[in-house]
Amino acid sequence: MKESQILSVFHNPASASARNAVQPSVALVFDACHVGVVLRAVLFVQAVMAVATMFGAVNLMDWLTRLALVTGAALPATLLWLILACIFKKVLARLPHPGQQAAGIALGALAGLYGCAMLAWSGLQQPAPWWGSAFAGALLAAALVAALVLRAKGKAPATTTARLAELQARIRPHFLFNTLNSAIALVRAEPGKAENLLEDLSDLFRHALMEQGESVTLRQEIAMAQAYLAIEQVRFGERLRIEWALDERAGAARLPPLLLQPLVENAVKHGVEPSASGADIRVSTECRGSRVVIKVSNTTSGVIGAGGSGTALGNVRERLSLLHDVQADFQIDVKDGVFRVRIEVPI
């Protein structure tokens, strides 16, 4: 038995030094490099411009004319702010949080001046409202930064909830005792299998207790799920039938940490445990152009609900949305006695 590997769950100097090297205080509090953020920012600025141009408009045609004039400057200015915030993402991440927000507002003022310069260059607005444009850009940027900061803060509770649920699932007595009892039963008859079982348990604890970043690769999540199912395979034997269909090209896709394992645990809990004949669990990944499709399915007894209370599935949906926004897709369906979870993320 590899004692050092099992003991490393409780004390791993390398992992501890790696965690100490991480500086959690240095992080990007707002991220403009998302398609959903771009869409919301453009719609927000356009809505503000539409309302602002209503003041002073004498009729519908006058309002549309004013709106078209302002949009010709506001839209390029908004896109400039988004592009600059995305390009200097790594530079901004090195600043303290107040400095990042101040930089975002300053970029907004710069974008406002850019929009005003376009109006002045076209000759449609004379004299050019330089000060007003700068302050308007700063104000709109402040609102966008505040919204993005709130969105970034929303990731923390969901991640914390997932980590607590994961720790509870891994440390809860019946899971731990069942695993240890299975190992004890195998020690004399099949010591090699018992050693592999304890190593898988060690990997699960190490993964649950180690520091995670904002995202991990799909390849890492697959390894975590395989370790978990290897343990449950010893416990359930032929009742647990597993099929893997993995696309190597999809392994680089990013997912929130501790995302895939709750899905396979859900399949075991609501597919294998309630059924005397067990269940078939299938995990597949597929790269389709610039998208990665992940599917987790399990057969059900048809009597007991396949998805439980939905807490774990709701957490998965929320965390995917926080990481990938509108670029992520999460679907659940039950058809012909098979419960399916389908996830689609950008590669």
Protein backbone atom coordinates (compact mmCIF):
# COMPACT_ATOMS: atom_id res chain seq x y z
CA MET A 1 0.00 0.00 0.00
CA LYS A 2 1.29 3.45 -0.85
CA GLU A 3 1.22 4.96 2.61
CA SER A 4 2.64 8.28 1.57
CA GLN A 5 -0.12 8.80 -0.97
CA ILE A 6 -2.88 8.14 1.57
CA LEU A 7 -1.26 10.24 4.27
CA SER A 8 -0.89 13.09 1.80
CA VAL A 9 -4.64 13.63 2.14
CA PHE A 10 -4.02 14.99 5.61
CA HIS A 11 -0.64 16.59 5.10
CA ASN A 12 0.80 17.48 1.73
CA PRO A 13 3.69 19.97 2.01
CA ALA A 14 3.80 20.49 -1.74
CA SER A 15 0.12 21.31 -1.85
CA ALA A 16 0.46 23.58 1.18
CA SER A 17 3.29 25.52 -0.38
CA ALA A 18 1.35 25.82 -3.62
CA ARG A 19 -1.64 27.21 -1.74
CA ASN A 20 0.57 29.66 0.11
CA ALA A 21 1.92 30.84 -3.21
CA VAL A 22 -1.56 31.80 -4.35
CA GLN A 23 -2.56 35.37 -3.63
CA PRO A 24 -6.32 35.37 -3.31
CA SER A 25 -6.41 39.11 -2.78
CA VAL A 26 -5.19 39.68 -6.34
CA ALA A 27 -8.11 38.81 -8.58
CA LEU A 28 -10.12 40.44 -11.33
CA VAL A 29 -13.31 41.81 -9.80
CA PHE A 30 -14.94 42.47 -13.17
CA ASP A 31 -14.46 40.54 -16.40
CA ALA A 32 -15.64 42.01 -19.70
CA CYS A 33 -14.39 39.09 -21.84
CA HIS A 34 -17.73 37.34 -22.15
CA VAL A 35 -20.28 37.38 -24.96
CA GLY A 36 -23.08 37.82 -22.44
CA VAL A 37 -21.35 40.82 -20.88
CA VAL A 38 -20.90 42.43 -24.30
CA LEU A 39 -24.58 41.96 -25.16
CA ARG A 40 -25.79 43.31 -21.82
CA ALA A 41 -23.43 46.30 -21.93
CA VAL A 42 -24.53 47.28 -25.43
CA LEU A 43 -28.22 46.90 -24.58
CA PHE A 44 -27.79 48.85 -21.33
CA VAL A 45 -26.03 51.80 -22.98
CA GLN A 46 -28.51 51.78 -25.85
CA ALA A 47 -31.44 51.82 -23.42
CA VAL A 48 -29.93 54.77 -21.52
CA MET A 49 -29.35 56.66 -24.77
CA ALA A 50 -32.90 55.94 -25.91
CA VAL A 51 -34.36 57.39 -22.72
CA ALA A 52 -31.96 60.36 -22.67
CA THR A 53 -32.83 61.39 -26.23
CA MET A 54 -36.53 61.48 -25.37
CA PHE A 55 -35.89 64.71 -23.51
CA GLY A 56 -36.15 67.54 -26.01
CA ALA A 57 -37.59 65.41 -28.82
CA VAL A 58 -40.71 67.07 -30.29
CA ASN A 59 -42.04 64.01 -32.13
CA LEU A 60 -41.23 60.40 -32.97
CA MET A 61 -39.15 61.25 -36.03
CA ASP A 62 -37.14 63.82 -34.09
CA TRP A 63 -36.49 61.23 -31.37
CA LEU A 64 -35.35 58.61 -33.88
CA THR A 65 -33.04 61.13 -35.50
CA ARG A 66 -31.49 62.10 -32.17
CA LEU A 67 -31.17 58.43 -31.17
CA ALA A 68 -29.43 57.54 -34.43
CA LEU A 69 -27.01 60.44 -33.95
CA VAL A 70 -26.16 59.48 -30.37
CA THR A 71 -25.94 55.77 -31.17
CA GLY A 72 -23.34 56.49 -33.83
CA ALA A 73 -21.06 57.70 -31.03
CA ALA A 74 -22.24 55.65 -28.03
CA LEU A 75 -22.02 52.22 -29.66
CA PRO A 76 -18.37 52.52 -30.82
CA ALA A 77 -17.49 54.04 -27.43
CA THR A 78 -19.10 51.11 -25.60
CA LEU A 79 -17.29 48.58 -27.76
CA LEU A 80 -14.02 50.43 -27.19
CA TRP A 81 -14.52 50.21 -23.41
CA LEU A 82 -15.23 46.47 -23.63
CA ILE A 83 -12.23 45.83 -25.88
CA LEU A 84 -9.84 47.79 -23.65
CA ALA A 85 -11.16 46.14 -20.48
CA CYS A 86 -10.66 42.73 -22.07
CA ILE A 87 -7.22 43.46 -23.54
CA PHE A 88 -5.88 44.79 -20.23
CA LYS A 89 -7.55 42.04 -18.20
CA LYS A 90 -4.27 40.67 -16.83
CA VAL A 91 -2.93 44.14 -16.07
CA LEU A 92 -6.09 45.08 -14.18
CA ALA A 93 -5.93 41.84 -12.18
CA ARG A 94 -2.64 43.01 -10.62
CA LEU A 95 -4.29 46.10 -9.15
CA PRO A 96 -6.12 46.18 -5.81
CA HIS A 97 -9.89 45.98 -6.09
CA PRO A 98 -10.54 49.74 -5.71
CA GLY A 99 -7.85 50.38 -8.31
CA GLN A 100 -9.50 48.01 -10.76
CA GLN A 101 -12.84 49.75 -10.39
CA ALA A 102 -11.22 53.19 -10.75
CA ALA A 103 -9.41 51.99 -13.89
CA GLY A 104 -12.70 50.75 -15.34
CA ILE A 105 -14.32 54.13 -14.73
CA ALA A 106 -11.31 55.93 -16.23
CA LEU A 107 -11.56 53.76 -19.33
CA GLY A 108 -15.23 54.74 -19.50
CA ALA A 109 -14.30 58.43 -19.51
CA LEU A 110 -11.78 57.74 -22.27
CA ALA A 111 -14.43 55.89 -24.28
CA GLY A 112 -16.80 58.84 -23.79
CA LEU A 113 -14.19 61.19 -25.21
CA TYR A 114 -13.72 58.81 -28.13
CA GLY A 115 -17.44 58.93 -28.88
CA CYS A 116 -17.43 62.72 -28.67
CA ALA A 117 -14.46 62.87 -31.03
CA MET A 118 -16.44 60.86 -33.57
CA LEU A 119 -19.31 63.35 -33.34
CA ALA A 120 -16.92 66.29 -33.69
CA TRP A 121 -15.14 64.66 -36.63
CA SER A 122 -18.44 64.05 -38.45
CA GLY A 123 -19.50 67.66 -37.86
CA LEU A 124 -22.94 66.55 -36.62
CA GLN A 125 -22.48 68.02 -33.15
CA GLN A 126 -21.06 71.50 -32.76
CA PRO A 127 -19.68 72.48 -30.35
CA ALA A 128 -18.50 69.08 -29.18
CA PRO A 129 -19.59 68.28 -25.56
CA TRP A 130 -16.22 67.03 -24.37
CA TRP A 131 -16.77 67.33 -20.62
CA GLY A 132 -20.31 65.98 -20.78
CA SER A 133 -19.21 63.01 -22.86
CA ALA A 134 -16.35 62.19 -20.50
CA PHE A 135 -18.58 62.30 -17.42
CA ALA A 136 -21.35 60.35 -19.17
CA GLY A 137 -18.85 57.66 -20.18
CA ALA A 138 -17.48 57.49 -16.65
CA LEU A 139 -20.97 57.23 -15.16
CA LEU A 140 -22.07 54.46 -17.54
CA ALA A 141 -18.79 52.61 -16.97
CA ALA A 142 -19.28 52.87 -13.20
CA ALA A 143 -22.72 51.26 -13.54
CA LEU A 144 -21.31 48.46 -15.73
CA VAL A 145 -18.39 47.85 -13.38
CA ALA A 146 -20.75 47.71 -10.39
CA ALA A 147 -22.93 45.14 -12.18
CA LEU A 148 -19.90 43.01 -13.12
CA VAL A 149 -18.51 43.20 -9.58
CA LEU A 150 -21.84 41.95 -8.21
CA ARG A 151 -21.78 39.13 -10.77
CA ALA A 152 -18.23 38.18 -9.73
CA LYS A 153 -19.21 38.19 -6.06
CA GLY A 154 -22.09 35.89 -6.91
CA LYS A 155 -19.59 33.16 -7.78
CA ALA A 156 -18.32 32.89 -4.21
CA PRO A 157 -21.50 31.60 -2.52
CA ALA A 158 -22.14 29.05 -5.26
CA THR A 159 -18.56 27.79 -5.13
CA THR A 160 -18.62 27.63 -1.33
CA THR A 161 -21.89 25.71 -1.37
CA ALA A 162 -20.49 23.22 -3.87
CA ARG A 163 -17.32 22.73 -1.80
CA LEU A 164 -19.28 22.17 1.42
CA ALA A 165 -21.58 19.72 -0.34
CA GLU A 166 -18.56 17.92 -1.79
CA LEU A 167 -16.82 17.68 1.60
CA GLN A 168 -20.00 16.42 3.20
CA ALA A 169 -20.46 13.82 0.46
CA ARG A 170 -16.89 12.59 0.78
CA ILE A 171 -16.72 12.61 4.59
CA ARG A 172 -20.27 11.49 5.42
CA PRO A 173 -20.03 8.33 7.54
CA HIS A 174 -21.90 5.82 5.38
CA PHE A 175 -19.80 6.55 2.27
CA LEU A 176 -16.51 6.43 4.20
CA PHE A 177 -17.45 3.32 6.18
CA ASN A 178 -18.75 1.48 3.12
CA THR A 179 -15.51 2.23 1.29
CA LEU A 180 -13.34 1.12 4.21
CA ASN A 181 -15.40 -2.03 4.72
CA SER A 182 -15.00 -2.86 1.05
CA ALA A 183 -11.24 -2.38 1.37
CA ILE A 184 -11.09 -4.58 4.49
CA ALA A 185 -12.99 -7.34 2.68
CA LEU A 186 -10.48 -7.21 -0.17
CA VAL A 187 -7.25 -7.00 1.87
CA ARG A 188 -6.67 -10.76 2.12
CA ALA A 189 -8.41 -11.99 -1.03
CA GLU A 190 -7.33 -9.24 -3.45
CA PRO A 191 -4.78 -6.92 -1.81
CA GLY A 192 -4.03 -5.17 -5.09
CA LYS A 193 -7.66 -4.19 -5.56
CA ALA A 194 -7.86 -3.04 -1.93
CA GLU A 195 -4.81 -0.83 -2.46
CA ASN A 196 -6.35 0.71 -5.59
CA LEU A 197 -9.57 1.36 -3.69
CA LEU A 198 -7.77 3.22 -0.90
CA GLU A 199 -5.75 5.19 -3.44
CA ASP A 200 -8.97 6.29 -5.15
CA LEU A 201 -10.38 7.33 -1.77
CA SER A 202 -7.18 9.26 -1.10
CA ASP A 203 -7.50 11.06 -4.44
CA LEU A 204 -11.08 12.05 -3.64
CA PHE A 205 -10.14 13.53 -0.29
CA ARG A 206 -7.14 15.33 -1.76
CA HIS A 207 -9.22 16.84 -4.54
CA ALA A 208 -11.96 17.94 -2.13
CA LEU A 209 -9.55 19.56 0.32
CA MET A 210 -7.13 21.25 -2.09
CA GLU A 211 -7.47 24.86 -3.20
CA GLN A 212 -9.25 25.29 -6.54
CA GLY A 213 -9.20 28.18 -8.95
CA GLU A 214 -12.16 29.67 -10.74
CA SER A 215 -12.16 26.82 -13.23
CA VAL A 216 -10.51 23.49 -14.02
CA THR A 217 -10.21 21.46 -17.19
CA LEU A 218 -12.78 18.89 -18.22
CA ARG A 219 -9.93 16.37 -18.18
CA GLN A 220 -9.44 16.96 -14.44
CA GLU A 221 -13.16 16.65 -13.75
CA ILE A 222 -13.28 13.36 -15.69
CA ALA A 223 -10.41 11.98 -13.58
CA MET A 224 -12.31 12.94 -10.42
CA ALA A 225 -15.49 11.23 -11.64
CA GLN A 226 -13.55 8.11 -12.62
CA ALA A 227 -12.01 7.86 -9.14
CA TYR A 228 -15.42 8.18 -7.53
CA LEU A 229 -17.05 5.59 -9.78
CA ALA A 230 -14.12 3.20 -9.27
CA ILE A 231 -14.91 3.21 -5.55
CA GLU A 232 -18.61 2.71 -6.10
CA GLN A 233 -17.85 -0.08 -8.59
CA VAL A 234 -16.27 -2.11 -5.78
CA ARG A 235 -19.30 -1.49 -3.58
CA PHE A 236 -22.04 -2.28 -6.10
CA GLY A 237 -20.20 -4.75 -8.33
CA GLU A 238 -22.23 -5.83 -11.36
CA ARG A 239 -25.13 -3.59 -10.35
CA LEU A 240 -23.10 -0.59 -11.49
CA ARG A 241 -22.44 -0.69 -15.22
CA ILE A 242 -20.35 2.22 -16.52
CA GLU A 243 -19.69 3.31 -20.10
CA TRP A 244 -17.22 6.05 -21.02
CA ALA A 245 -17.20 7.74 -24.43
CA LEU A 246 -14.58 10.46 -24.16
CA ASP A 247 -13.30 12.80 -26.85
CA GLU A 248 -9.67 13.74 -26.14
CA ARG A 249 -10.12 17.05 -27.98
CA ALA A 250 -12.71 18.12 -25.41
CA GLY A 251 -10.39 17.72 -22.43
CA ALA A 252 -9.20 21.34 -22.47
CA ALA A 253 -12.68 22.82 -21.93
CA ARG A 254 -13.05 24.78 -18.69
CA LEU A 255 -15.59 23.94 -16.00
CA PRO A 256 -16.21 25.17 -12.46
CA PRO A 257 -14.37 22.86 -10.02
CA LEU A 258 -16.30 20.01 -8.40
CA LEU A 259 -18.96 20.10 -11.11
CA LEU A 260 -18.98 16.71 -12.84
CA GLN A 261 -18.57 14.47 -9.78
CA PRO A 262 -21.92 15.50 -8.19
CA LEU A 263 -23.63 14.52 -11.45
CA VAL A 264 -22.23 10.98 -11.43
CA GLU A 265 -22.92 10.73 -7.69
CA ASN A 266 -26.49 11.76 -8.42
CA ALA A 267 -26.67 8.97 -11.02
CA VAL A 268 -25.43 6.40 -8.50
CA LYS A 269 -27.70 7.60 -5.70
CA HIS A 270 -30.90 7.77 -7.75
CA GLY A 271 -30.14 5.17 -10.41
CA VAL A 272 -28.11 2.34 -8.87
CA GLU A 273 -29.02 2.38 -5.16
CA PRO A 274 -32.84 2.13 -5.50
CA SER A 275 -32.73 -0.66 -8.10
CA ALA A 276 -32.09 -4.33 -7.28
CA SER A 277 -30.77 -4.88 -10.80
CA GLY A 278 -28.62 -1.73 -10.70
CA ALA A 279 -28.31 0.80 -13.50
CA ASP A 280 -26.29 1.76 -16.54
CA ILE A 281 -24.35 5.01 -16.25
CA ARG A 282 -22.91 6.62 -19.36
CA VAL A 283 -20.56 9.62 -19.46
CA SER A 284 -19.67 11.09 -22.83
CA THR A 285 -17.80 14.14 -24.09
CA GLU A 286 -17.72 15.40 -27.65
CA CYS A 287 -16.01 18.33 -29.34
CA ARG A 288 -18.26 19.99 -31.93
CA GLY A 289 -16.39 22.82 -33.55
CA SER A 290 -15.87 25.50 -30.92
CA ARG A 291 -18.27 23.81 -28.47
CA VAL A 292 -17.94 20.85 -26.10
CA VAL A 293 -20.95 18.68 -25.24
CA ILE A 294 -20.93 16.69 -21.99
CA LYS A 295 -23.61 14.09 -21.26
CA VAL A 296 -24.23 12.12 -18.06
CA SER A 297 -27.09 9.60 -18.17
CA ASN A 298 -28.37 6.76 -16.03
CA THR A 299 -31.19 4.26 -16.30
CA THR A 300 -33.89 4.50 -13.64
CA SER A 301 -36.27 2.09 -11.95
CA GLY A 302 -39.24 4.19 -13.01
CA VAL A 303 -40.52 4.35 -9.44
CA ILE A 304 -38.12 6.64 -7.63
CA GLY A 305 -37.29 10.06 -9.06
CA ALA A 306 -33.99 10.20 -10.85
CA GLY A 307 -33.00 13.67 -9.86
CA GLY A 308 -33.68 13.81 -6.13
CA SER A 309 -34.45 17.22 -4.73
CA GLY A 310 -32.59 18.96 -7.55
CA THR A 311 -30.24 20.84 -5.20
CA ALA A 312 -27.06 19.46 -6.79
CA LEU A 313 -28.40 19.98 -10.32
CA GLY A 314 -29.45 23.54 -9.51
CA ASN A 315 -25.97 24.26 -8.18
CA VAL A 316 -24.41 22.92 -11.39
CA ARG A 317 -26.67 25.11 -13.51
CA GLU A 318 -25.92 28.24 -11.46
CA ARG A 319 -22.17 27.78 -11.45
CA LEU A 320 -22.06 27.11 -15.19
CA SER A 321 -23.98 30.33 -15.77
CA LEU A 322 -21.60 32.31 -13.56
CA LEU A 323 -18.52 30.99 -15.37
CA HIS A 324 -19.68 30.96 -19.02
CA ASP A 325 -22.81 33.16 -18.89
CA VAL A 326 -24.93 32.80 -22.05
CA GLN A 327 -22.29 30.62 -23.71
CA ALA A 328 -23.18 27.67 -21.44
CA ASP A 329 -26.21 25.43 -21.88
CA PHE A 330 -27.62 23.03 -19.27
CA GLN A 331 -30.51 20.66 -19.98
CA ILE A 332 -32.23 17.85 -18.07
CA ASP A 333 -34.68 15.32 -19.43
CA VAL A 334 -36.10 11.88 -18.66
CA LYS A 335 -37.03 9.70 -21.62
CA ASP A 336 -37.67 5.96 -21.97
CA GLY A 337 -36.47 5.29 -18.42
CA VAL A 338 -33.19 7.19 -18.86
CA PHE A 339 -32.34 10.34 -16.91
CA ARG A 340 -30.01 12.64 -18.89
CA VAL A 341 -27.99 15.73 -18.09
CA ARG A 342 -26.58 17.62 -21.08
CA ILE A 343 -24.01 20.39 -20.70
CA GLU A 344 -22.59 22.51 -23.51
CA VAL A 345 -19.68 24.92 -22.97
CA PRO A 346 -17.23 26.80 -25.22
CA ILE A 347 -13.84 25.21 -25.77
